[in-house]
């Protein structure tokens, strides 16, 4: 299954959450082109929120793009699983069965298996305070 991913990043400066093997923070993506059922171009938004109380701005500058890119990859896969006109998980039974493995599914290594191409440019980078 081949998927294309273009990333729009949203970096937030806050003190509450960090990324791990959990579902994406943003959950925002848009289908740009679906040339076949096996190849879909998406534009996804990634969010990185610093958990540091002090020097959070420095933390976002250092790790923000990397962590927000990882969140955007997760958001793209999340969008294909749950959203759109024809989501992969369409019934309530499928969603409940997936929720039991959700934590282990959203690891970076597993998500990267679903993405064959990622644009090297960032379309938008926004930092918010608070």
N, C-alpha and C. Protein backbone atom coordinates (compact mmCIF):
# COMPACT_ATOMS: atom_id res chain seq x y z
N UNK A 1 0.85 -1.17 0.00
CA UNK A 1 0.00 0.00 0.00
C UNK A 1 0.90 1.23 0.00
N UNK A 2 0.87 2.03 -1.06
CA UNK A 2 1.71 3.20 -1.16
C UNK A 2 0.90 4.43 -0.79
N UNK A 3 1.51 5.31 -0.04
CA UNK A 3 0.87 6.56 0.35
C UNK A 3 1.87 7.68 0.20
N UNK A 4 1.43 8.85 -0.21
CA UNK A 4 2.28 10.02 -0.28
C UNK A 4 1.85 10.97 0.82
N UNK A 5 2.80 11.74 1.33
CA UNK A 5 2.50 12.62 2.45
C UNK A 5 3.20 13.94 2.25
N UNK A 6 2.45 15.00 2.28
CA UNK A 6 3.00 16.34 2.32
C UNK A 6 2.66 16.90 3.68
N UNK A 7 3.59 17.63 4.28
CA UNK A 7 3.42 18.03 5.67
C UNK A 7 3.29 19.53 5.82
N UNK A 8 2.29 19.94 6.54
CA UNK A 8 2.17 21.32 7.02
C UNK A 8 2.33 21.22 8.53
N UNK A 9 3.22 22.00 9.08
CA UNK A 9 3.53 21.88 10.50
C UNK A 9 2.94 23.01 11.30
N UNK A 10 2.43 22.67 12.45
CA UNK A 10 1.94 23.66 13.41
C UNK A 10 2.68 23.38 14.71
N UNK A 11 3.58 24.28 15.07
CA UNK A 11 4.35 24.12 16.30
C UNK A 11 3.72 24.96 17.39
N UNK A 12 3.42 24.35 18.51
CA UNK A 12 2.83 25.11 19.60
C UNK A 12 3.78 25.12 20.78
N UNK A 13 3.81 26.23 21.45
CA UNK A 13 4.64 26.39 22.63
C UNK A 13 3.71 26.34 23.84
N UNK A 14 3.75 25.23 24.53
CA UNK A 14 2.88 25.02 25.67
C UNK A 14 3.63 24.14 26.66
N UNK A 15 2.99 23.76 27.74
CA UNK A 15 3.70 23.04 28.77
C UNK A 15 3.04 21.72 29.15
N UNK A 16 2.21 21.15 28.31
CA UNK A 16 1.40 20.05 28.79
C UNK A 16 1.68 18.69 28.19
N UNK A 17 2.05 18.56 26.92
CA UNK A 17 2.02 17.26 26.28
C UNK A 17 3.26 17.01 25.45
N UNK A 18 3.70 15.78 25.36
CA UNK A 18 4.79 15.40 24.47
C UNK A 18 4.32 14.23 23.61
N UNK A 19 5.09 13.95 22.55
CA UNK A 19 4.71 12.88 21.63
C UNK A 19 5.31 11.55 22.09
N UNK A 20 4.56 10.49 21.92
CA UNK A 20 5.04 9.15 22.20
C UNK A 20 4.34 8.22 21.23
N UNK A 21 4.22 6.97 21.58
CA UNK A 21 3.53 6.02 20.72
C UNK A 21 2.03 6.09 20.97
N UNK A 22 1.49 7.26 20.86
CA UNK A 22 0.07 7.49 21.07
C UNK A 22 -0.53 8.08 19.80
N UNK A 23 -1.84 8.16 19.72
CA UNK A 23 -2.46 8.78 18.54
C UNK A 23 -1.96 10.21 18.35
N UNK A 24 -2.10 10.74 17.15
CA UNK A 24 -1.59 12.09 16.88
C UNK A 24 -2.34 13.15 17.66
N UNK A 25 -1.67 14.27 17.92
CA UNK A 25 -2.30 15.39 18.58
C UNK A 25 -3.21 16.15 17.62
N UNK A 26 -2.79 16.32 16.39
CA UNK A 26 -3.52 17.20 15.47
C UNK A 26 -4.73 16.53 14.82
N UNK A 27 -4.57 15.33 14.32
CA UNK A 27 -5.64 14.59 13.63
C UNK A 27 -6.20 15.35 12.44
N UNK A 28 -5.39 16.22 11.83
CA UNK A 28 -5.83 17.03 10.70
C UNK A 28 -5.07 16.64 9.44
N UNK A 29 -5.79 16.30 8.40
CA UNK A 29 -5.18 15.98 7.12
C UNK A 29 -6.20 16.25 6.02
N UNK A 30 -5.69 16.44 4.82
CA UNK A 30 -6.53 16.69 3.66
C UNK A 30 -6.03 15.83 2.52
N UNK A 31 -6.93 15.18 1.82
CA UNK A 31 -6.55 14.40 0.64
C UNK A 31 -6.32 15.37 -0.51
N UNK A 32 -5.12 15.33 -1.08
CA UNK A 32 -4.79 16.18 -2.22
C UNK A 32 -5.09 15.48 -3.54
N UNK A 33 -4.74 14.18 -3.60
CA UNK A 33 -4.92 13.44 -4.84
C UNK A 33 -5.01 11.96 -4.51
N UNK A 34 -5.94 11.28 -5.12
CA UNK A 34 -6.05 9.84 -4.96
C UNK A 34 -5.98 9.23 -6.35
N UNK A 35 -4.76 8.93 -6.81
CA UNK A 35 -4.59 8.42 -8.16
C UNK A 35 -5.03 6.96 -8.28
N UNK A 36 -5.01 6.23 -7.18
CA UNK A 36 -5.55 4.86 -7.13
C UNK A 36 -5.87 4.54 -5.68
N UNK A 37 -6.41 3.37 -5.45
CA UNK A 37 -6.72 3.01 -4.07
C UNK A 37 -5.46 2.72 -3.26
N UNK A 38 -4.34 2.52 -3.94
CA UNK A 38 -3.09 2.22 -3.25
C UNK A 38 -2.17 3.43 -3.15
N UNK A 39 -2.51 4.54 -3.78
CA UNK A 39 -1.64 5.72 -3.75
C UNK A 39 -2.47 6.97 -3.49
N UNK A 40 -2.23 7.57 -2.35
CA UNK A 40 -3.00 8.73 -1.93
C UNK A 40 -2.02 9.82 -1.49
N UNK A 41 -2.23 11.04 -1.99
CA UNK A 41 -1.43 12.18 -1.57
C UNK A 41 -2.20 12.95 -0.51
N UNK A 42 -1.56 13.19 0.62
CA UNK A 42 -2.19 13.89 1.73
C UNK A 42 -1.36 15.09 2.15
N UNK A 43 -2.03 16.07 2.69
CA UNK A 43 -1.38 17.17 3.39
C UNK A 43 -1.83 17.06 4.83
N UNK A 44 -0.87 16.86 5.75
CA UNK A 44 -1.20 16.63 7.16
C UNK A 44 -0.56 17.70 8.02
N UNK A 45 -1.21 17.99 9.14
CA UNK A 45 -0.71 18.96 10.11
C UNK A 45 -0.17 18.22 11.32
N UNK A 46 1.00 18.63 11.77
CA UNK A 46 1.59 18.05 12.97
C UNK A 46 1.74 19.10 14.04
N UNK A 47 1.60 18.68 15.28
CA UNK A 47 1.70 19.60 16.42
C UNK A 47 2.76 19.05 17.38
N UNK A 48 3.62 19.92 17.84
CA UNK A 48 4.54 19.58 18.93
C UNK A 48 4.31 20.57 20.05
N UNK A 49 4.08 20.05 21.23
CA UNK A 49 3.87 20.88 22.41
C UNK A 49 4.96 20.53 23.41
N UNK A 50 5.72 21.53 23.80
CA UNK A 50 6.81 21.31 24.74
C UNK A 50 6.26 21.02 26.13
N UNK A 51 6.87 20.06 26.80
CA UNK A 51 6.46 19.76 28.17
C UNK A 51 7.34 20.46 29.20
N UNK A 52 8.33 21.20 28.71
CA UNK A 52 9.23 21.91 29.62
C UNK A 52 8.59 23.17 30.16
N UNK A 53 8.78 23.40 31.43
CA UNK A 53 8.24 24.59 32.06
C UNK A 53 9.12 25.80 31.77
N UNK A 54 10.41 25.60 31.83
CA UNK A 54 11.37 26.65 31.52
C UNK A 54 12.08 26.27 30.22
N UNK A 55 12.49 27.25 29.46
CA UNK A 55 13.18 27.06 28.19
C UNK A 55 12.33 26.30 27.17
N UNK A 56 11.03 26.44 27.24
CA UNK A 56 10.13 25.77 26.30
C UNK A 56 10.34 26.29 24.88
N UNK A 57 10.60 27.57 24.74
CA UNK A 57 10.81 28.14 23.41
C UNK A 57 12.05 27.53 22.76
N UNK A 58 13.10 27.36 23.52
CA UNK A 58 14.33 26.75 23.02
C UNK A 58 14.07 25.29 22.64
N UNK A 59 13.29 24.60 23.45
CA UNK A 59 12.93 23.20 23.18
C UNK A 59 12.17 23.09 21.86
N UNK A 60 11.24 23.99 21.62
CA UNK A 60 10.45 23.96 20.38
C UNK A 60 11.35 24.25 19.18
N UNK A 61 12.26 25.21 19.32
CA UNK A 61 13.17 25.51 18.20
C UNK A 61 14.07 24.32 17.88
N UNK A 62 14.49 23.59 18.91
CA UNK A 62 15.42 22.48 18.71
C UNK A 62 14.73 21.22 18.19
N UNK A 63 13.61 20.86 18.78
CA UNK A 63 12.95 19.59 18.45
C UNK A 63 11.61 19.74 17.74
N UNK A 64 11.12 20.95 17.59
CA UNK A 64 9.77 21.17 17.10
C UNK A 64 9.48 20.59 15.73
N UNK A 65 10.33 20.86 14.76
CA UNK A 65 10.07 20.39 13.40
C UNK A 65 10.11 18.87 13.33
N UNK A 66 11.08 18.27 14.00
CA UNK A 66 11.19 16.81 14.01
C UNK A 66 9.97 16.15 14.65
N UNK A 67 9.58 16.64 15.82
CA UNK A 67 8.45 16.05 16.54
C UNK A 67 7.11 16.35 15.86
N UNK A 68 6.96 17.55 15.29
CA UNK A 68 5.73 17.88 14.58
C UNK A 68 5.63 17.08 13.29
N UNK A 69 6.75 16.79 12.65
CA UNK A 69 6.74 15.94 11.45
C UNK A 69 6.27 14.53 11.80
N UNK A 70 6.74 14.01 12.93
CA UNK A 70 6.30 12.68 13.38
C UNK A 70 4.80 12.70 13.66
N UNK A 71 4.31 13.79 14.27
CA UNK A 71 2.87 13.89 14.54
C UNK A 71 2.08 14.00 13.24
N UNK A 72 2.62 14.69 12.25
CA UNK A 72 1.94 14.81 10.96
C UNK A 72 1.84 13.46 10.26
N UNK A 73 2.88 12.64 10.37
CA UNK A 73 2.82 11.30 9.79
C UNK A 73 1.71 10.48 10.46
N UNK A 74 1.64 10.58 11.79
CA UNK A 74 0.58 9.87 12.51
C UNK A 74 -0.79 10.41 12.12
N UNK A 75 -0.90 11.73 11.94
CA UNK A 75 -2.18 12.33 11.57
C UNK A 75 -2.64 11.85 10.20
N UNK A 76 -1.70 11.67 9.28
CA UNK A 76 -2.05 11.18 7.95
C UNK A 76 -2.63 9.77 8.02
N UNK A 77 -2.00 8.91 8.78
CA UNK A 77 -2.50 7.53 8.93
C UNK A 77 -3.83 7.54 9.69
N UNK A 78 -3.93 8.36 10.74
CA UNK A 78 -5.17 8.48 11.50
C UNK A 78 -6.32 8.90 10.58
N UNK A 79 -6.04 9.87 9.70
CA UNK A 79 -7.06 10.36 8.77
C UNK A 79 -7.56 9.23 7.87
N UNK A 80 -6.65 8.41 7.37
CA UNK A 80 -7.07 7.30 6.52
C UNK A 80 -7.85 6.24 7.29
N UNK A 81 -7.52 6.06 8.56
CA UNK A 81 -8.22 5.07 9.37
C UNK A 81 -9.63 5.51 9.75
N UNK A 82 -9.79 6.79 10.14
CA UNK A 82 -11.04 7.23 10.74
C UNK A 82 -11.85 8.23 9.91
N UNK A 83 -11.23 8.99 9.03
CA UNK A 83 -11.92 10.10 8.38
C UNK A 83 -12.04 9.89 6.88
N UNK A 84 -12.48 10.93 6.22
CA UNK A 84 -12.63 10.88 4.77
C UNK A 84 -13.95 10.28 4.36
N UNK A 85 -14.13 10.13 3.07
CA UNK A 85 -15.38 9.59 2.56
C UNK A 85 -15.47 8.07 2.72
N UNK A 86 -14.33 7.40 2.76
CA UNK A 86 -14.32 5.94 2.88
C UNK A 86 -13.24 5.51 3.87
N UNK A 87 -13.48 5.68 5.19
CA UNK A 87 -12.44 5.33 6.17
C UNK A 87 -12.21 3.82 6.24
N UNK A 88 -11.00 3.44 6.60
CA UNK A 88 -10.66 2.02 6.72
C UNK A 88 -11.43 1.39 7.87
N UNK A 89 -11.51 2.09 8.99
CA UNK A 89 -12.29 1.61 10.14
C UNK A 89 -13.67 2.26 10.08
N UNK A 90 -14.63 1.56 9.53
CA UNK A 90 -15.93 2.18 9.30
C UNK A 90 -16.99 1.76 10.31
N UNK A 91 -16.92 0.54 10.83
CA UNK A 91 -17.94 0.10 11.78
C UNK A 91 -17.46 0.30 13.21
N UNK A 92 -18.38 0.30 14.14
CA UNK A 92 -18.06 0.47 15.55
C UNK A 92 -17.24 -0.71 16.07
N UNK A 93 -17.51 -1.91 15.58
CA UNK A 93 -16.74 -3.09 15.99
C UNK A 93 -15.28 -2.96 15.57
N UNK A 94 -15.03 -2.49 14.34
CA UNK A 94 -13.66 -2.31 13.86
C UNK A 94 -12.93 -1.26 14.70
N UNK A 95 -13.61 -0.18 15.05
CA UNK A 95 -12.99 0.87 15.86
C UNK A 95 -12.66 0.38 17.26
N UNK A 96 -13.55 -0.42 17.85
CA UNK A 96 -13.30 -0.96 19.19
C UNK A 96 -12.15 -1.97 19.16
N UNK A 97 -12.09 -2.79 18.12
CA UNK A 97 -10.99 -3.76 18.01
C UNK A 97 -9.65 -3.04 17.83
N UNK A 98 -9.65 -1.96 17.06
CA UNK A 98 -8.42 -1.21 16.84
C UNK A 98 -7.98 -0.46 18.10
N UNK A 99 -8.93 0.00 18.90
CA UNK A 99 -8.57 0.75 20.10
C UNK A 99 -7.73 -0.07 21.07
N UNK A 100 -7.86 -1.39 21.03
CA UNK A 100 -7.06 -2.23 21.93
C UNK A 100 -5.59 -2.30 21.52
N UNK A 101 -5.27 -2.08 20.24
CA UNK A 101 -3.88 -2.11 19.78
C UNK A 101 -3.38 -0.73 19.39
N UNK A 102 -4.17 0.28 19.61
CA UNK A 102 -3.86 1.64 19.16
C UNK A 102 -2.52 2.16 19.68
N UNK A 103 -2.23 1.94 20.96
CA UNK A 103 -0.98 2.44 21.55
C UNK A 103 0.25 1.86 20.86
N UNK A 104 0.23 0.58 20.56
CA UNK A 104 1.38 -0.04 19.90
C UNK A 104 1.41 0.25 18.40
N UNK A 105 0.29 0.59 17.81
CA UNK A 105 0.22 0.86 16.37
C UNK A 105 0.91 2.16 15.99
N UNK A 106 0.79 3.20 16.81
CA UNK A 106 1.29 4.52 16.47
C UNK A 106 2.76 4.74 16.80
N UNK A 107 3.58 3.71 16.72
CA UNK A 107 5.02 3.90 16.87
C UNK A 107 5.57 4.44 15.55
N UNK A 108 6.67 5.18 15.63
CA UNK A 108 7.26 5.79 14.43
C UNK A 108 7.65 4.74 13.39
N UNK A 109 8.21 3.62 13.82
CA UNK A 109 8.61 2.58 12.88
C UNK A 109 7.41 2.00 12.13
N UNK A 110 6.32 1.79 12.83
CA UNK A 110 5.13 1.24 12.18
C UNK A 110 4.50 2.26 11.23
N UNK A 111 4.40 3.50 11.64
CA UNK A 111 3.81 4.54 10.81
C UNK A 111 4.61 4.73 9.53
N UNK A 112 5.95 4.68 9.63
CA UNK A 112 6.80 4.85 8.46
C UNK A 112 6.63 3.73 7.43
N UNK A 113 6.11 2.58 7.83
CA UNK A 113 5.83 1.50 6.88
C UNK A 113 4.72 1.88 5.90
N UNK A 114 3.84 2.79 6.29
CA UNK A 114 2.70 3.17 5.46
C UNK A 114 3.00 4.36 4.55
N UNK A 115 4.13 5.03 4.76
CA UNK A 115 4.45 6.24 4.00
C UNK A 115 5.63 5.96 3.09
N UNK A 116 5.45 6.17 1.79
CA UNK A 116 6.53 5.91 0.84
C UNK A 116 7.24 7.17 0.41
N UNK A 117 6.59 8.31 0.51
CA UNK A 117 7.21 9.58 0.10
C UNK A 117 6.75 10.68 1.04
N UNK A 118 7.69 11.53 1.41
CA UNK A 118 7.37 12.68 2.25
C UNK A 118 8.09 13.89 1.67
N UNK A 119 7.37 14.98 1.47
CA UNK A 119 7.98 16.19 0.93
C UNK A 119 9.02 16.72 1.90
N UNK A 120 10.10 17.22 1.36
CA UNK A 120 11.18 17.71 2.23
C UNK A 120 10.96 19.17 2.64
N UNK A 121 9.99 19.83 2.04
CA UNK A 121 9.74 21.23 2.41
C UNK A 121 8.53 21.32 3.35
N UNK A 122 8.56 22.34 4.17
CA UNK A 122 7.46 22.60 5.10
C UNK A 122 6.62 23.72 4.51
N UNK A 123 5.31 23.52 4.41
CA UNK A 123 4.48 24.53 3.78
C UNK A 123 4.15 25.68 4.72
N UNK A 124 4.05 25.41 6.02
CA UNK A 124 3.77 26.47 6.98
C UNK A 124 4.29 26.06 8.34
N UNK A 125 4.89 27.02 9.04
CA UNK A 125 5.42 26.76 10.38
C UNK A 125 4.95 27.89 11.28
N UNK A 126 4.18 27.54 12.30
CA UNK A 126 3.57 28.53 13.18
C UNK A 126 3.93 28.18 14.61
N UNK A 127 4.37 29.17 15.37
CA UNK A 127 4.61 28.98 16.81
C UNK A 127 3.60 29.83 17.58
N UNK A 128 3.00 29.22 18.57
CA UNK A 128 2.03 29.90 19.42
C UNK A 128 2.50 29.89 20.85
N UNK A 129 2.30 30.97 21.55
CA UNK A 129 2.66 31.01 22.96
C UNK A 129 1.42 30.74 23.79
N UNK A 130 1.55 29.78 24.72
CA UNK A 130 0.42 29.46 25.59
C UNK A 130 -0.45 28.47 24.93
